[in-house]
Amino acid sequence: MTKENFDVIPEFTKNKNGVSIKKCCASCALHDMYDYEGPRRKCKLNGKVVDKSDCCSKWVISDFINNIKLSR
């Protein structure tokens, strides 16, 4: 897999509850999980297998990640 379309420096954003979220494939709403000899992520946009730390300019926060709250 080439890294030509992925950012090198990680970016962070905050979800609706103020929790800091890393922009990456693991937190993106546009990935699908599948398991062929181990869990893998596949991008819904381009169909390529991606690593959890990859990120592209079309990143969208997933609903699950957007609803995370910090507990004290």
N, C-alpha and C. Protein backbone atom coordinates (compact mmCIF):
# COMPACT_ATOMS: atom_id res chain seq x y z
N MET A 1 0.85 -1.18 0.00
CA MET A 1 0.00 0.00 0.00
C MET A 1 0.89 1.23 0.00
N THR A 2 0.59 2.18 -0.84
CA THR A 2 1.37 3.41 -0.87
C THR A 2 0.76 4.44 0.05
N LYS A 3 1.59 5.33 0.55
CA LYS A 3 1.14 6.36 1.47
C LYS A 3 0.99 7.71 0.78
N GLU A 4 0.97 7.74 -0.54
CA GLU A 4 0.97 8.99 -1.28
C GLU A 4 -0.22 9.90 -0.99
N ASN A 5 -1.38 9.35 -0.65
CA ASN A 5 -2.57 10.16 -0.42
C ASN A 5 -2.88 10.38 1.05
N PHE A 6 -1.96 10.01 1.92
CA PHE A 6 -2.22 10.10 3.35
C PHE A 6 -1.34 11.15 4.00
N ASP A 7 -1.89 11.84 4.99
CA ASP A 7 -1.15 12.85 5.73
C ASP A 7 -0.09 12.18 6.60
N VAL A 8 1.04 12.87 6.80
CA VAL A 8 2.12 12.34 7.62
C VAL A 8 1.98 12.80 9.06
N ILE A 9 1.64 14.05 9.30
CA ILE A 9 1.51 14.60 10.64
C ILE A 9 0.07 14.40 11.12
N PRO A 10 -0.11 13.70 12.27
CA PRO A 10 -1.48 13.47 12.74
C PRO A 10 -2.18 14.77 13.16
N GLU A 11 -3.45 14.85 12.85
CA GLU A 11 -4.27 15.99 13.25
C GLU A 11 -5.27 15.52 14.29
N PHE A 12 -5.68 16.44 15.12
CA PHE A 12 -6.67 16.14 16.15
C PHE A 12 -7.83 17.12 16.04
N THR A 13 -8.99 16.67 16.46
CA THR A 13 -10.18 17.51 16.52
C THR A 13 -10.91 17.15 17.81
N LYS A 14 -11.96 17.86 18.11
CA LYS A 14 -12.76 17.55 19.31
C LYS A 14 -14.14 17.09 18.86
N ASN A 15 -14.67 16.10 19.59
CA ASN A 15 -16.02 15.65 19.28
C ASN A 15 -17.03 16.58 19.95
N LYS A 16 -18.32 16.26 19.84
CA LYS A 16 -19.35 17.15 20.37
C LYS A 16 -19.31 17.28 21.89
N ASN A 17 -18.60 16.37 22.57
CA ASN A 17 -18.47 16.43 24.03
C ASN A 17 -17.12 17.00 24.48
N GLY A 18 -16.34 17.50 23.53
CA GLY A 18 -15.07 18.14 23.86
C GLY A 18 -13.90 17.19 24.03
N VAL A 19 -14.07 15.91 23.67
CA VAL A 19 -13.00 14.92 23.78
C VAL A 19 -12.10 15.03 22.55
N SER A 20 -10.78 15.06 22.77
CA SER A 20 -9.82 15.15 21.67
C SER A 20 -9.79 13.83 20.90
N ILE A 21 -9.96 13.91 19.58
CA ILE A 21 -10.03 12.74 18.71
C ILE A 21 -8.97 12.87 17.62
N LYS A 22 -8.18 11.81 17.43
CA LYS A 22 -7.18 11.79 16.36
C LYS A 22 -7.88 11.49 15.05
N LYS A 23 -7.61 12.30 14.03
CA LYS A 23 -8.16 12.05 12.70
C LYS A 23 -7.37 10.91 12.06
N CYS A 24 -8.00 9.75 11.93
CA CYS A 24 -7.36 8.59 11.32
C CYS A 24 -8.45 7.62 10.87
N CYS A 25 -8.06 6.60 10.14
CA CYS A 25 -9.04 5.63 9.64
C CYS A 25 -9.81 4.94 10.76
N ALA A 26 -9.17 4.75 11.92
CA ALA A 26 -9.84 4.08 13.03
C ALA A 26 -11.04 4.88 13.54
N SER A 27 -11.00 6.22 13.44
CA SER A 27 -12.09 7.06 13.94
C SER A 27 -13.00 7.58 12.82
N CYS A 28 -12.77 7.12 11.61
CA CYS A 28 -13.52 7.61 10.45
C CYS A 28 -14.80 6.81 10.23
N ALA A 29 -15.85 7.51 9.82
CA ALA A 29 -17.13 6.86 9.53
C ALA A 29 -17.10 6.12 8.19
N LEU A 30 -16.07 6.34 7.39
CA LEU A 30 -16.02 5.77 6.04
C LEU A 30 -15.19 4.51 5.93
N HIS A 31 -14.98 3.79 7.04
CA HIS A 31 -14.25 2.53 6.94
C HIS A 31 -15.16 1.36 7.29
N ASP A 32 -14.88 0.26 6.65
CA ASP A 32 -15.56 -1.01 6.92
C ASP A 32 -14.56 -1.96 7.54
N MET A 33 -15.01 -2.78 8.47
CA MET A 33 -14.14 -3.80 9.06
C MET A 33 -14.46 -5.14 8.41
N TYR A 34 -13.43 -5.90 8.15
CA TYR A 34 -13.61 -7.27 7.70
C TYR A 34 -12.48 -8.11 8.27
N ASP A 35 -12.61 -9.42 8.22
CA ASP A 35 -11.62 -10.30 8.84
C ASP A 35 -11.25 -11.43 7.92
N TYR A 36 -10.15 -11.28 7.22
CA TYR A 36 -9.55 -12.36 6.44
C TYR A 36 -8.18 -12.58 7.05
N GLU A 37 -8.10 -13.50 8.00
CA GLU A 37 -6.85 -13.78 8.73
C GLU A 37 -6.44 -12.59 9.58
N GLY A 38 -7.35 -12.01 10.29
CA GLY A 38 -7.06 -10.88 11.17
C GLY A 38 -7.88 -9.67 10.79
N PRO A 39 -8.23 -8.83 11.77
CA PRO A 39 -9.07 -7.66 11.47
C PRO A 39 -8.37 -6.66 10.55
N ARG A 40 -9.09 -6.16 9.59
CA ARG A 40 -8.55 -5.16 8.66
C ARG A 40 -9.64 -4.12 8.38
N ARG A 41 -9.18 -2.95 7.97
CA ARG A 41 -10.10 -1.88 7.60
C ARG A 41 -10.04 -1.66 6.10
N LYS A 42 -11.20 -1.38 5.52
CA LYS A 42 -11.28 -1.10 4.10
C LYS A 42 -12.01 0.22 3.93
N CYS A 43 -11.47 1.12 3.13
CA CYS A 43 -12.07 2.43 2.91
C CYS A 43 -13.31 2.27 2.01
N LYS A 44 -14.43 2.87 2.42
CA LYS A 44 -15.66 2.82 1.62
C LYS A 44 -15.54 3.68 0.36
N LEU A 45 -14.64 4.67 0.38
CA LEU A 45 -14.52 5.56 -0.77
C LEU A 45 -13.72 4.94 -1.91
N ASN A 46 -12.55 4.36 -1.59
CA ASN A 46 -11.70 3.85 -2.66
C ASN A 46 -11.55 2.33 -2.66
N GLY A 47 -12.10 1.64 -1.65
CA GLY A 47 -12.05 0.19 -1.61
C GLY A 47 -10.72 -0.41 -1.22
N LYS A 48 -9.74 0.43 -0.85
CA LYS A 48 -8.41 -0.06 -0.49
C LYS A 48 -8.34 -0.45 0.98
N VAL A 49 -7.47 -1.40 1.28
CA VAL A 49 -7.18 -1.77 2.66
C VAL A 49 -6.35 -0.66 3.27
N VAL A 50 -6.74 -0.20 4.46
CA VAL A 50 -6.05 0.90 5.12
C VAL A 50 -5.61 0.50 6.52
N ASP A 51 -4.60 1.16 7.02
CA ASP A 51 -4.12 0.96 8.37
C ASP A 51 -4.89 1.88 9.30
N LYS A 52 -5.00 1.49 10.57
CA LYS A 52 -5.78 2.29 11.52
C LYS A 52 -5.24 3.71 11.68
N SER A 53 -3.95 3.92 11.44
CA SER A 53 -3.36 5.25 11.63
C SER A 53 -3.35 6.09 10.35
N ASP A 54 -3.75 5.53 9.21
CA ASP A 54 -3.83 6.30 7.97
C ASP A 54 -4.92 7.35 8.07
N CYS A 55 -4.80 8.40 7.28
CA CYS A 55 -5.83 9.43 7.24
C CYS A 55 -5.78 10.14 5.90
N CYS A 56 -6.93 10.51 5.38
CA CYS A 56 -6.98 11.26 4.13
C CYS A 56 -7.82 12.52 4.33
N SER A 57 -7.89 13.33 3.31
CA SER A 57 -8.60 14.62 3.41
C SER A 57 -10.12 14.46 3.48
N LYS A 58 -10.64 13.28 3.23
CA LYS A 58 -12.09 13.06 3.25
C LYS A 58 -12.57 12.46 4.57
N TRP A 59 -11.75 12.53 5.61
CA TRP A 59 -12.09 11.97 6.93
C TRP A 59 -13.38 12.58 7.46
N VAL A 60 -14.24 11.71 8.02
CA VAL A 60 -15.51 12.12 8.64
C VAL A 60 -15.61 11.39 9.98
N ILE A 61 -15.88 12.11 11.05
CA ILE A 61 -15.96 11.49 12.37
C ILE A 61 -17.13 10.51 12.42
N SER A 62 -16.89 9.33 12.99
CA SER A 62 -17.96 8.34 13.09
C SER A 62 -18.93 8.72 14.20
N ASP A 63 -20.15 8.25 14.11
CA ASP A 63 -21.17 8.56 15.13
C ASP A 63 -20.74 8.04 16.50
N PHE A 64 -20.17 6.85 16.55
CA PHE A 64 -19.72 6.27 17.81
C PHE A 64 -18.66 7.16 18.47
N ILE A 65 -17.67 7.57 17.70
CA ILE A 65 -16.58 8.41 18.23
C ILE A 65 -17.13 9.79 18.62
N ASN A 66 -18.07 10.30 17.88
CA ASN A 66 -18.64 11.62 18.17
C ASN A 66 -19.42 11.63 19.48
N ASN A 67 -19.90 10.48 19.91
CA ASN A 67 -20.69 10.40 21.15
C ASN A 67 -19.90 10.01 22.40
N ILE A 68 -18.59 9.79 22.26
CA ILE A 68 -17.76 9.39 23.40
C ILE A 68 -17.69 10.54 24.41
N LYS A 69 -17.81 10.17 25.69
CA LYS A 69 -17.68 11.14 26.79
C LYS A 69 -16.56 10.67 27.71
N LEU A 70 -15.92 11.61 28.40
CA LEU A 70 -14.94 11.26 29.42
C LEU A 70 -15.66 11.02 30.72
N SER A 71 -15.28 9.98 31.43
CA SER A 71 -15.88 9.74 32.75
C SER A 71 -14.86 10.10 33.81
N ARG A 72 -15.35 10.55 34.92
CA ARG A 72 -14.45 10.96 36.02
C ARG A 72 -14.76 10.20 37.25
